[in-house]
Amino acid sequence: MDIDQDAVAAAFGLGRPSGPWRALDNGGAPTGARVLETARGRWTVRTGRLRSEWHHRQAHRVQRLQRAALAAGIEMPRPVEPPRPAVGYWHRLAGDEVVQVGEWLDGHDLRRPGADLVAATEWTGRTLARIAVLDTGGEQPPAPHPVEEWREWVAEAEAGGLPVAAPARALLPAVADAIALVRDAQRAAPAAVLVHGDTSRANVLRTPGGYALIDWESVQPEVPWWDAVSVAFRFATPSTGPPSAPTPGRCGRCSPPTWTPAARAARPRSRPSRACCAANSPPPPGSCGWRWATARRTPGSGPSACGW
């Protein structure tokens, strides 16, 4: 269904729109977000769908960490409390259609050449430490997909003639090694807390007042220092933007260059692989529509079509 900006503004109490909303500039990467200016200010509007119980749990998980971070004074865009019916910060419009509104922050991310990464990484490290001590524990990172499932996905990709099939089969040994490493580490893993889950140059914003952490839709349980190591590698490697041009069956943001094949393979069940993005897949909340590697759908066991 088409989302009406006047209806969104009225539902969230944003004031009268000053003009038509526009697509959010995301550095060339796909986005379903829009920028809306009203009599009360400027806002970011995101739309999506809640297609499974996993998506509902994730919406509440995101809200729980964002509320704790806001209470702790962590710099971030402030979400607008949604009217009822709501799931987390999402307002349900009709069916599985949802919309979310957050305050707009002026600034630019760190993907542009010449960005001051020294000051930004220091701020990011302190912010990760502040998030790690919030009272958001009680969940553990889920186990990675077993190698057998990856073999099935590769076989299905081969049967469908997908171009990803040959390189995916070549990477199966690396997938197996990565899964074994993750499983071994998880046997005696330290306590996990909720983390931002997608801290990168694209999601740290340089604002007139300092820095802010944006795009919280990838919240997940993780061991804090494991998350810190992952973020350190992201900042130490080339920027994830601008993305490659989209091609049929592949989203422009899939398989960012800073994710090694083994790291992608071992992503836990809380998030599907980003190896493939189906062009006809409706996006979930805050996402460009990540799909399972072969578009498999297992009701109740995870994202039914896409995930963060």
C-alpha atoms as a PDB file:
ATOM      1  CA  MET A   1       0.000   0.000   0.000  1.00  0.00           C
ATOM      2  CA  ASP A   2       1.084   3.610  -0.539  1.00  0.00           C
ATOM      3  CA  ILE A   3       2.034   5.404   2.670  1.00  0.00           C
ATOM      4  CA  ASP A   4       0.448   8.855   2.890  1.00  0.00           C
ATOM      5  CA  GLN A   5       2.691  11.540   4.407  1.00  0.00           C
ATOM      6  CA  ASP A   6      -0.224  13.535   5.797  1.00  0.00           C
ATOM      7  CA  ALA A   7      -1.536  10.438   7.580  1.00  0.00           C
ATOM      8  CA  VAL A   8       1.905   9.706   9.037  1.00  0.00           C
ATOM      9  CA  ALA A   9       2.345  13.304  10.202  1.00  0.00           C
ATOM     10  CA  ALA A  10      -1.079  13.302  11.826  1.00  0.00           C
ATOM     11  CA  ALA A  11      -0.630   9.890  13.484  1.00  0.00           C
ATOM     12  CA  PHE A  12       2.719  10.822  15.065  1.00  0.00           C
ATOM     13  CA  GLY A  13       1.760  14.427  15.880  1.00  0.00           C
ATOM     14  CA  LEU A  14       4.488  15.915  13.678  1.00  0.00           C
ATOM     15  CA  GLY A  15       2.564  18.966  12.533  1.00  0.00           C
ATOM     16  CA  ARG A  16       1.522  19.973   9.027  1.00  0.00           C
ATOM     17  CA  PRO A  17       3.954  18.878   6.266  1.00  0.00           C
ATOM     18  CA  SER A  18       5.796  21.790   4.624  1.00  0.00           C
ATOM     19  CA  GLY A  19       6.008  19.954   1.310  1.00  0.00           C
ATOM     20  CA  PRO A  20       6.331  16.488  -0.196  1.00  0.00           C
ATOM     21  CA  TRP A  21       8.724  14.148   1.547  1.00  0.00           C
ATOM     22  CA  ARG A  22      11.859  12.997  -0.263  1.00  0.00           C
ATOM     23  CA  ALA A  23      13.953   9.854  -0.339  1.00  0.00           C
ATOM     24  CA  LEU A  24      16.769   9.780   2.188  1.00  0.00           C
ATOM     25  CA  ASP A  25      20.220  10.136   0.649  1.00  0.00           C
ATOM     26  CA  ASN A  26      22.052   7.013   1.795  1.00  0.00           C
ATOM     27  CA  GLY A  27      25.283   7.407  -0.145  1.00  0.00           C
ATOM     28  CA  GLY A  28      23.881   5.546  -3.127  1.00  0.00           C
ATOM     29  CA  ALA A  29      22.762   2.531  -1.083  1.00  0.00           C
ATOM     30  CA  PRO A  30      19.117   1.409  -1.291  1.00  0.00           C
ATOM     31  CA  THR A  31      16.876   2.746   1.434  1.00  0.00           C
ATOM     32  CA  GLY A  32      13.169   2.847   2.137  1.00  0.00           C
ATOM     33  CA  ALA A  33      13.558   5.887   4.389  1.00  0.00           C
ATOM     34  CA  ARG A  34      12.173   9.334   3.636  1.00  0.00           C
ATOM     35  CA  VAL A  35      12.826  12.821   4.990  1.00  0.00           C
ATOM     36  CA  LEU A  36       9.735  14.773   6.005  1.00  0.00           C
ATOM     37  CA  GLU A  37       9.684  18.459   6.941  1.00  0.00           C
ATOM     38  CA  THR A  38       6.763  19.746   8.959  1.00  0.00           C
ATOM     39  CA  ALA A  39       5.798  22.767  11.015  1.00  0.00           C
ATOM     40  CA  ARG A  40       7.493  21.104  14.001  1.00  0.00           C
ATOM     41  CA  GLY A  41      10.788  20.156  12.394  1.00  0.00           C
ATOM     42  CA  ARG A  42      12.461  17.595  10.167  1.00  0.00           C
ATOM     43  CA  TRP A  43      11.979  13.846  10.559  1.00  0.00           C
ATOM     44  CA  THR A  44      13.198  10.520   9.205  1.00  0.00           C
ATOM     45  CA  VAL A  45      10.338   8.192   8.233  1.00  0.00           C
ATOM     46  CA  ARG A  46      10.959   4.479   7.714  1.00  0.00           C
ATOM     47  CA  THR A  47       8.492   1.946   6.420  1.00  0.00           C
ATOM     48  CA  GLY A  48       8.573  -1.830   6.424  1.00  0.00           C
ATOM     49  CA  ARG A  49       6.696  -5.035   7.178  1.00  0.00           C
ATOM     50  CA  LEU A  50       6.481  -7.325  10.168  1.00  0.00           C
ATOM     51  CA  ARG A  51       6.270 -10.763   8.596  1.00  0.00           C
ATOM     52  CA  SER A  52       7.059 -13.154  11.418  1.00  0.00           C
ATOM     53  CA  GLU A  53       7.370 -13.588  15.156  1.00  0.00           C
ATOM     54  CA  TRP A  54      11.096 -12.977  14.723  1.00  0.00           C
ATOM     55  CA  HIS A  55      10.384  -9.496  13.357  1.00  0.00           C
ATOM     56  CA  HIS A  56       8.094  -8.738  16.301  1.00  0.00           C
ATOM     57  CA  ARG A  57      10.723  -9.888  18.802  1.00  0.00           C
ATOM     58  CA  GLN A  58      13.359  -7.844  17.009  1.00  0.00           C
ATOM     59  CA  ALA A  59      11.203  -4.704  17.102  1.00  0.00           C
ATOM     60  CA  HIS A  60      10.856  -5.004  20.886  1.00  0.00           C
ATOM     61  CA  ARG A  61      14.573  -5.816  21.239  1.00  0.00           C
ATOM     62  CA  VAL A  62      15.520  -2.663  19.317  1.00  0.00           C
ATOM     63  CA  GLN A  63      13.181  -0.540  21.411  1.00  0.00           C
ATOM     64  CA  ARG A  64      14.577  -1.963  24.650  1.00  0.00           C
ATOM     65  CA  LEU A  65      18.169  -1.040  23.789  1.00  0.00           C
ATOM     66  CA  GLN A  66      17.273   2.348  22.328  1.00  0.00           C
ATOM     67  CA  ARG A  67      15.341   3.329  25.449  1.00  0.00           C
ATOM     68  CA  ALA A  68      18.229   2.271  27.669  1.00  0.00           C
ATOM     69  CA  ALA A  69      20.713   4.169  25.480  1.00  0.00           C
ATOM     70  CA  LEU A  70      18.583   7.313  25.494  1.00  0.00           C
ATOM     71  CA  ALA A  71      18.266   7.153  29.281  1.00  0.00           C
ATOM     72  CA  ALA A  72      22.068   6.865  29.518  1.00  0.00           C
ATOM     73  CA  GLY A  73      22.526   9.968  27.360  1.00  0.00           C
ATOM     74  CA  ILE A  74      24.078   8.211  24.370  1.00  0.00           C
ATOM     75  CA  GLU A  75      24.000  10.485  21.339  1.00  0.00           C
ATOM     76  CA  MET A  76      21.486   9.184  18.808  1.00  0.00           C
ATOM     77  CA  PRO A  77      18.383  10.294  16.895  1.00  0.00           C
ATOM     78  CA  ARG A  78      15.432  10.238  19.255  1.00  0.00           C
ATOM     79  CA  PRO A  79      12.589   7.959  18.083  1.00  0.00           C
ATOM     80  CA  VAL A  80       9.088   9.422  18.155  1.00  0.00           C
ATOM     81  CA  GLU A  81       6.757   7.373  20.343  1.00  0.00           C
ATOM     82  CA  PRO A  82       4.293   5.673  17.980  1.00  0.00           C
ATOM     83  CA  PRO A  83       0.522   5.738  18.346  1.00  0.00           C
ATOM     84  CA  ARG A  84      -1.333   2.498  18.916  1.00  0.00           C
ATOM     85  CA  PRO A  85      -1.364  -0.132  17.563  1.00  0.00           C
ATOM     86  CA  ALA A  86       2.407  -0.335  17.870  1.00  0.00           C
ATOM     87  CA  VAL A  87       5.175  -2.944  17.912  1.00  0.00           C
ATOM     88  CA  GLY A  88       8.279  -1.465  19.476  1.00  0.00           C
ATOM     89  CA  TYR A  89       8.737   1.933  17.856  1.00  0.00           C
ATOM     90  CA  TRP A  90       6.759   0.821  14.796  1.00  0.00           C
ATOM     91  CA  HIS A  91       3.173   1.944  14.213  1.00  0.00           C
ATOM     92  CA  ARG A  92       1.038  -0.633  12.454  1.00  0.00           C
ATOM     93  CA  LEU A  93      -0.889   0.842   9.557  1.00  0.00           C
ATOM     94  CA  ALA A  94      -2.711  -2.081   7.920  1.00  0.00           C
ATOM     95  CA  GLY A  95      -1.878  -5.755   7.675  1.00  0.00           C
ATOM     96  CA  ASP A  96       1.863  -6.144   8.177  1.00  0.00           C
ATOM     97  CA  GLU A  97       2.699  -2.593   7.015  1.00  0.00           C
ATOM     98  CA  VAL A  98       4.480  -0.519   9.673  1.00  0.00           C
ATOM     99  CA  VAL A  99       6.008   2.954   9.877  1.00  0.00           C
ATOM    100  CA  GLN A 100       8.551   4.486  12.253  1.00  0.00           C
ATOM    101  CA  VAL A 101       9.541   8.129  12.801  1.00  0.00           C
ATOM    102  CA  GLY A 102      12.710   9.559  14.321  1.00  0.00           C
ATOM    103  CA  GLU A 103      14.118  13.019  14.776  1.00  0.00           C
ATOM    104  CA  TRP A 104      16.413  14.289  12.029  1.00  0.00           C
ATOM    105  CA  LEU A 105      20.087  14.958  12.787  1.00  0.00           C
ATOM    106  CA  ASP A 106      22.132  17.222  10.533  1.00  0.00           C
ATOM    107  CA  GLY A 107      25.559  15.885   9.659  1.00  0.00           C
ATOM    108  CA  HIS A 108      27.473  13.415   7.494  1.00  0.00           C
ATOM    109  CA  ASP A 109      28.750   9.889   8.004  1.00  0.00           C
ATOM    110  CA  LEU A 110      32.377   8.772   7.858  1.00  0.00           C
ATOM    111  CA  ARG A 111      32.383   7.236   4.370  1.00  0.00           C
ATOM    112  CA  ARG A 112      33.518  10.442   2.706  1.00  0.00           C
ATOM    113  CA  PRO A 113      37.243  10.867   1.928  1.00  0.00           C
ATOM    114  CA  GLY A 114      39.156  12.833   4.526  1.00  0.00           C
ATOM    115  CA  ALA A 115      36.856  11.996   7.439  1.00  0.00           C
ATOM    116  CA  ASP A 116      38.604  12.316  10.818  1.00  0.00           C
ATOM    117  CA  LEU A 117      38.641   8.670  11.838  1.00  0.00           C
ATOM    118  CA  VAL A 118      40.929   9.160  14.852  1.00  0.00           C
ATOM    119  CA  ALA A 119      38.444  11.265  16.796  1.00  0.00           C
ATOM    120  CA  ALA A 120      35.526   9.206  15.476  1.00  0.00           C
ATOM    121  CA  THR A 121      36.995   5.864  16.553  1.00  0.00           C
ATOM    122  CA  GLU A 122      37.763   7.203  20.022  1.00  0.00           C
ATOM    123  CA  TRP A 123      34.154   8.358  20.370  1.00  0.00           C
ATOM    124  CA  THR A 124      32.885   5.055  18.970  1.00  0.00           C
ATOM    125  CA  GLY A 125      34.967   3.040  21.428  1.00  0.00           C
ATOM    126  CA  ARG A 126      33.658   5.014  24.379  1.00  0.00           C
ATOM    127  CA  THR A 127      30.098   4.640  23.088  1.00  0.00           C
ATOM    128  CA  LEU A 128      30.428   0.867  22.688  1.00  0.00           C
ATOM    129  CA  ALA A 129      31.671   0.684  26.275  1.00  0.00           C
ATOM    130  CA  ARG A 130      28.686   2.710  27.480  1.00  0.00           C
ATOM    131  CA  ILE A 131      26.275   0.433  25.619  1.00  0.00           C
ATOM    132  CA  ALA A 132      27.996  -2.656  27.060  1.00  0.00           C
ATOM    133  CA  VAL A 133      27.210  -1.657  30.651  1.00  0.00           C
ATOM    134  CA  LEU A 134      23.507  -1.020  30.043  1.00  0.00           C
ATOM    135  CA  ASP A 135      21.228  -3.535  31.746  1.00  0.00           C
ATOM    136  CA  THR A 136      20.183  -5.391  28.584  1.00  0.00           C
ATOM    137  CA  GLY A 137      21.447  -8.928  29.210  1.00  0.00           C
ATOM    138  CA  GLY A 138      19.478 -12.145  29.382  1.00  0.00           C
ATOM    139  CA  GLU A 139      19.932 -13.344  25.797  1.00  0.00           C
ATOM    140  CA  GLN A 140      22.720 -15.305  24.181  1.00  0.00           C
ATOM    141  CA  PRO A 141      23.900 -15.098  20.551  1.00  0.00           C
ATOM    142  CA  PRO A 142      22.179 -17.865  18.557  1.00  0.00           C
ATOM    143  CA  ALA A 143      24.200 -20.627  16.981  1.00  0.00           C
ATOM    144  CA  PRO A 144      25.296 -20.311  13.343  1.00  0.00           C
ATOM    145  CA  HIS A 145      23.536 -22.226  10.613  1.00  0.00           C
ATOM    146  CA  PRO A 146      24.944 -25.779  10.333  1.00  0.00           C
ATOM    147  CA  VAL A 147      27.107 -26.675   7.361  1.00  0.00           C
ATOM    148  CA  GLU A 148      24.393 -29.011   6.077  1.00  0.00           C
ATOM    149  CA  GLU A 149      22.035 -26.088   5.520  1.00  0.00           C
ATOM    150  CA  TRP A 150      24.718 -24.188   3.618  1.00  0.00           C
ATOM    151  CA  ARG A 151      25.256 -27.207   1.378  1.00  0.00           C
ATOM    152  CA  GLU A 152      21.514 -27.338   0.702  1.00  0.00           C
ATOM    153  CA  TRP A 153      21.467 -23.632  -0.178  1.00  0.00           C
ATOM    154  CA  VAL A 154      24.396 -24.055  -2.549  1.00  0.00           C
ATOM    155  CA  ALA A 155      22.686 -27.003  -4.224  1.00  0.00           C
ATOM    156  CA  GLU A 156      19.504 -24.973  -4.660  1.00  0.00           C
ATOM    157  CA  ALA A 157      21.511 -22.082  -6.088  1.00  0.00           C
ATOM    158  CA  GLU A 158      23.163 -24.453  -8.565  1.00  0.00           C
ATOM    159  CA  ALA A 159      19.802 -25.922  -9.549  1.00  0.00           C
ATOM    160  CA  GLY A 160      18.481 -22.411 -10.148  1.00  0.00           C
ATOM    161  CA  GLY A 161      21.481 -21.389 -12.230  1.00  0.00           C
ATOM    162  CA  LEU A 162      22.365 -18.505  -9.898  1.00  0.00           C
ATOM    163  CA  PRO A 163      25.771 -16.893 -10.505  1.00  0.00           C
ATOM    164  CA  VAL A 164      26.570 -17.061  -6.795  1.00  0.00           C
ATOM    165  CA  ALA A 165      26.510 -20.875  -6.863  1.00  0.00           C
ATOM    166  CA  ALA A 166      30.088 -21.559  -8.036  1.00  0.00           C
ATOM    167  CA  PRO A 167      31.866 -19.158  -5.651  1.00  0.00           C
ATOM    168  CA  ALA A 168      29.565 -20.261  -2.835  1.00  0.00           C
ATOM    169  CA  ARG A 169      30.544 -23.919  -3.327  1.00  0.00           C
ATOM    170  CA  ALA A 170      34.215 -22.947  -3.398  1.00  0.00           C
ATOM    171  CA  LEU A 171      33.760 -21.224  -0.038  1.00  0.00           C
ATOM    172  CA  LEU A 172      32.092 -24.164   1.731  1.00  0.00           C
ATOM    173  CA  PRO A 173      35.388 -25.229   3.407  1.00  0.00           C
ATOM    174  CA  ALA A 174      35.800 -21.698   4.773  1.00  0.00           C
ATOM    175  CA  VAL A 175      32.178 -21.785   5.923  1.00  0.00           C
ATOM    176  CA  ALA A 176      32.804 -25.028   7.791  1.00  0.00           C
ATOM    177  CA  ASP A 177      35.944 -23.637   9.441  1.00  0.00           C
ATOM    178  CA  ALA A 178      34.164 -20.454  10.479  1.00  0.00           C
ATOM    179  CA  ILE A 179      31.190 -22.335  11.941  1.00  0.00           C
ATOM    180  CA  ALA A 180      33.517 -24.582  13.930  1.00  0.00           C
ATOM    181  CA  LEU A 181      35.349 -21.550  15.335  1.00  0.00           C
ATOM    182  CA  VAL A 182      32.110 -19.838  16.336  1.00  0.00           C
ATOM    183  CA  ARG A 183      30.675 -22.969  17.962  1.00  0.00           C
ATOM    184  CA  ASP A 184      33.884 -23.537  19.914  1.00  0.00           C
ATOM    185  CA  ALA A 185      33.892 -19.949  21.144  1.00  0.00           C
ATOM    186  CA  GLN A 186      30.222 -20.067  22.122  1.00  0.00           C
ATOM    187  CA  ARG A 187      30.715 -23.106  24.371  1.00  0.00           C
ATOM    188  CA  ALA A 188      32.428 -20.935  26.981  1.00  0.00           C
ATOM    189  CA  ALA A 189      31.275 -17.514  25.838  1.00  0.00           C
ATOM    190  CA  PRO A 190      31.134 -14.645  28.326  1.00  0.00           C
ATOM    191  CA  ALA A 191      27.779 -13.092  29.119  1.00  0.00           C
ATOM    192  CA  ALA A 192      26.114 -11.302  26.217  1.00  0.00           C
ATOM    193  CA  VAL A 193      24.238  -8.010  26.177  1.00  0.00           C
ATOM    194  CA  LEU A 194      22.325  -6.194  23.476  1.00  0.00           C
ATOM    195  CA  VAL A 195      24.620  -4.291  21.118  1.00  0.00           C
ATOM    196  CA  HIS A 196      23.975  -1.905  18.238  1.00  0.00           C
ATOM    197  CA  GLY A 197      24.955  -4.656  15.796  1.00  0.00           C
ATOM    198  CA  ASP A 198      25.861  -2.481  12.808  1.00  0.00           C
ATOM    199  CA  THR A 199      28.399   0.059  14.036  1.00  0.00           C
ATOM    200  CA  SER A 200      30.380   1.200  11.019  1.00  0.00           C
ATOM    201  CA  ARG A 201      31.510   4.313   9.189  1.00  0.00           C
ATOM    202  CA  ALA A 202      28.084   4.487   7.575  1.00  0.00           C
ATOM    203  CA  ASN A 203      26.299   4.639  10.939  1.00  0.00           C
ATOM    204  CA  VAL A 204      28.453   7.087  12.882  1.00  0.00           C
ATOM    205  CA  LEU A 205      27.275  10.596  12.089  1.00  0.00           C
ATOM    206  CA  ARG A 206      29.418  13.713  12.485  1.00  0.00           C
ATOM    207  CA  THR A 207      27.041  16.423  13.644  1.00  0.00           C
ATOM    208  CA  PRO A 208      27.578  20.087  14.549  1.00  0.00           C
ATOM    209  CA  GLY A 209      27.557  19.031  18.200  1.00  0.00           C
ATOM    210  CA  GLY A 210      29.852  15.996  17.936  1.00  0.00           C
ATOM    211  CA  TYR A 211      29.042  12.417  16.914  1.00  0.00           C
ATOM    212  CA  ALA A 212      25.900  10.293  16.990  1.00  0.00           C
ATOM    213  CA  LEU A 213      25.160   6.609  16.428  1.00  0.00           C
ATOM    214  CA  ILE A 214      22.336   6.021  13.935  1.00  0.00           C
ATOM    215  CA  ASP A 215      20.421   3.072  12.392  1.00  0.00           C
ATOM    216  CA  TRP A 216      19.710   0.853  15.402  1.00  0.00           C
ATOM    217  CA  GLU A 217      17.611  -1.770  13.605  1.00  0.00           C
ATOM    218  CA  SER A 218      20.383  -4.420  13.751  1.00  0.00           C
ATOM    219  CA  VAL A 219      20.354  -4.728  17.555  1.00  0.00           C
ATOM    220  CA  GLN A 220      21.338  -8.232  18.648  1.00  0.00           C
ATOM    221  CA  PRO A 221      22.710 -10.091  21.677  1.00  0.00           C
ATOM    222  CA  GLU A 222      26.496 -10.300  21.558  1.00  0.00           C
ATOM    223  CA  VAL A 223      29.532 -10.553  23.800  1.00  0.00           C
ATOM    224  CA  PRO A 224      30.637  -6.903  24.110  1.00  0.00           C
ATOM    225  CA  TRP A 225      34.305  -7.392  23.364  1.00  0.00           C
ATOM    226  CA  TRP A 226      33.507  -9.610  20.373  1.00  0.00           C
ATOM    227  CA  ASP A 227      31.386  -6.779  19.049  1.00  0.00           C
ATOM    228  CA  ALA A 228      34.216  -4.308  19.707  1.00  0.00           C
ATOM    229  CA  VAL A 229      36.677  -6.420  17.711  1.00  0.00           C
ATOM    230  CA  SER A 230      34.210  -6.620  14.824  1.00  0.00           C
ATOM    231  CA  VAL A 231      33.764  -2.843  14.851  1.00  0.00           C
ATOM    232  CA  ALA A 232      37.538  -2.315  14.992  1.00  0.00           C
ATOM    233  CA  PHE A 233      37.965  -4.377  11.826  1.00  0.00           C
ATOM    234  CA  ARG A 234      35.203  -2.399  10.130  1.00  0.00           C
ATOM    235  CA  PHE A 235      36.924   0.889  10.900  1.00  0.00           C
ATOM    236  CA  ALA A 236      40.371  -0.432   9.945  1.00  0.00           C
ATOM    237  CA  THR A 237      39.310  -1.596   6.485  1.00  0.00           C
ATOM    238  CA  PRO A 238      38.099   0.372   3.460  1.00  0.00           C
ATOM    239  CA  SER A 239      34.722   2.055   3.720  1.00  0.00           C
ATOM    240  CA  THR A 240      31.625   0.032   2.849  1.00  0.00           C
ATOM    241  CA  GLY A 241      30.408   2.815   0.556  1.00  0.00           C
ATOM    242  CA  PRO A 242      29.639   3.724  -2.083  1.00  0.00           C
ATOM    243  CA  PRO A 243      28.006   0.376  -2.900  1.00  0.00           C
ATOM    244  CA  SER A 244      28.307  -1.480  -6.137  1.00  0.00           C
ATOM    245  CA  ALA A 245      25.556  -0.993  -8.688  1.00  0.00           C
ATOM    246  CA  PRO A 246      22.555  -3.284  -8.171  1.00  0.00           C
ATOM    247  CA  THR A 247      22.101  -6.158 -10.589  1.00  0.00           C
ATOM    248  CA  PRO A 248      19.118  -8.499 -11.032  1.00  0.00           C
ATOM    249  CA  GLY A 249      18.765 -10.660  -7.940  1.00  0.00           C
ATOM    250  CA  ARG A 250      21.423  -8.724  -6.048  1.00  0.00           C
ATOM    251  CA  CYS A 251      20.928  -5.697  -3.838  1.00  0.00           C
ATOM    252  CA  GLY A 252      23.580  -2.986  -4.058  1.00  0.00           C
ATOM    253  CA  ARG A 253      24.342  -3.319  -0.350  1.00  0.00           C
ATOM    254  CA  CYS A 254      24.753  -7.102  -0.278  1.00  0.00           C
ATOM    255  CA  SER A 255      28.079  -8.613   0.734  1.00  0.00           C
ATOM    256  CA  PRO A 256      29.879  -5.441   1.880  1.00  0.00           C
ATOM    257  CA  PRO A 257      33.608  -5.651   1.095  1.00  0.00           C
ATOM    258  CA  THR A 258      34.572  -5.422   4.776  1.00  0.00           C
ATOM    259  CA  TRP A 259      32.831  -8.761   5.497  1.00  0.00           C
ATOM    260  CA  THR A 260      35.077 -11.707   4.734  1.00  0.00           C
ATOM    261  CA  PRO A 261      33.341 -14.750   3.205  1.00  0.00           C
ATOM    262  CA  ALA A 262      34.018 -16.748   6.358  1.00  0.00           C
ATOM    263  CA  ALA A 263      32.578 -14.013   8.557  1.00  0.00           C
ATOM    264  CA  ARG A 264      29.446 -13.825   6.420  1.00  0.00           C
ATOM    265  CA  ALA A 265      29.085 -17.590   6.541  1.00  0.00           C
ATOM    266  CA  ALA A 266      29.235 -17.686  10.321  1.00  0.00           C
ATOM    267  CA  ARG A 267      26.679 -14.976  10.931  1.00  0.00           C
ATOM    268  CA  PRO A 268      24.361 -16.391  13.607  1.00  0.00           C
ATOM    269  CA  ARG A 269      20.734 -17.313  13.133  1.00  0.00           C
ATOM    270  CA  SER A 270      19.591 -13.964  14.477  1.00  0.00           C
ATOM    271  CA  ARG A 271      20.365 -12.548  11.031  1.00  0.00           C
ATOM    272  CA  PRO A 272      20.191 -14.248   7.649  1.00  0.00           C
ATOM    273  CA  SER A 273      23.129 -14.316   5.283  1.00  0.00           C
ATOM    274  CA  ARG A 274      23.597 -11.294   3.069  1.00  0.00           C
ATOM    275  CA  ALA A 275      24.893 -13.443   0.233  1.00  0.00           C
ATOM    276  CA  CYS A 276      21.789 -12.885  -1.857  1.00  0.00           C
ATOM    277  CA  CYS A 277      19.101 -10.229  -2.014  1.00  0.00           C
ATOM    278  CA  ALA A 278      16.016 -10.908  -4.069  1.00  0.00           C
ATOM    279  CA  ALA A 279      14.848  -7.918  -6.031  1.00  0.00           C
ATOM    280  CA  ASN A 280      11.186  -8.767  -5.509  1.00  0.00           C
ATOM    281  CA  SER A 281      11.407  -9.164  -1.748  1.00  0.00           C
ATOM    282  CA  PRO A 282       9.503  -6.567   0.315  1.00  0.00           C
ATOM    283  CA  PRO A 283      11.889  -4.967   2.819  1.00  0.00           C
ATOM    284  CA  PRO A 284      11.572  -5.608   6.541  1.00  0.00           C
ATOM    285  CA  PRO A 285      11.731  -2.732   9.017  1.00  0.00           C
ATOM    286  CA  GLY A 286      14.731  -0.494   8.381  1.00  0.00           C
ATOM    287  CA  SER A 287      16.314  -2.737   5.777  1.00  0.00           C
ATOM    288  CA  CYS A 288      16.773  -2.969   2.031  1.00  0.00           C
ATOM    289  CA  GLY A 289      15.459  -6.511   2.019  1.00  0.00           C
ATOM    290  CA  TRP A 290      18.105  -9.059   2.909  1.00  0.00           C
ATOM    291  CA  ARG A 291      17.070 -12.572   1.950  1.00  0.00           C
ATOM    292  CA  TRP A 292      18.213 -16.000   2.997  1.00  0.00           C
ATOM    293  CA  ALA A 293      20.909 -17.309   0.685  1.00  0.00           C
ATOM    294  CA  THR A 294      18.340 -19.192  -1.372  1.00  0.00           C
ATOM    295  CA  ALA A 295      15.170 -17.398  -0.297  1.00  0.00           C
ATOM    296  CA  ARG A 296      14.222 -20.236   2.058  1.00  0.00           C
ATOM    297  CA  ARG A 297      11.408 -19.536   4.491  1.00  0.00           C
ATOM    298  CA  THR A 298      11.044 -21.411   7.741  1.00  0.00           C
ATOM    299  CA  PRO A 299       8.044 -20.002   9.653  1.00  0.00           C
ATOM    300  CA  GLY A 300       8.746 -19.332  13.299  1.00  0.00           C
ATOM    301  CA  SER A 301      12.459 -20.140  13.198  1.00  0.00           C
ATOM    302  CA  GLY A 302      13.733 -16.769  12.041  1.00  0.00           C
ATOM    303  CA  PRO A 303      13.059 -14.058   9.497  1.00  0.00           C
ATOM    304  CA  SER A 304      10.513 -15.382   7.028  1.00  0.00           C
ATOM    305  CA  ALA A 305      11.889 -13.477   4.089  1.00  0.00           C
ATOM    306  CA  CYS A 306      14.381 -10.839   5.107  1.00  0.00           C
ATOM    307  CA  GLY A 307      16.227  -9.665   8.159  1.00  0.00           C
ATOM    308  CA  TRP A 308      18.446  -6.927   9.428  1.00  0.00           C
END
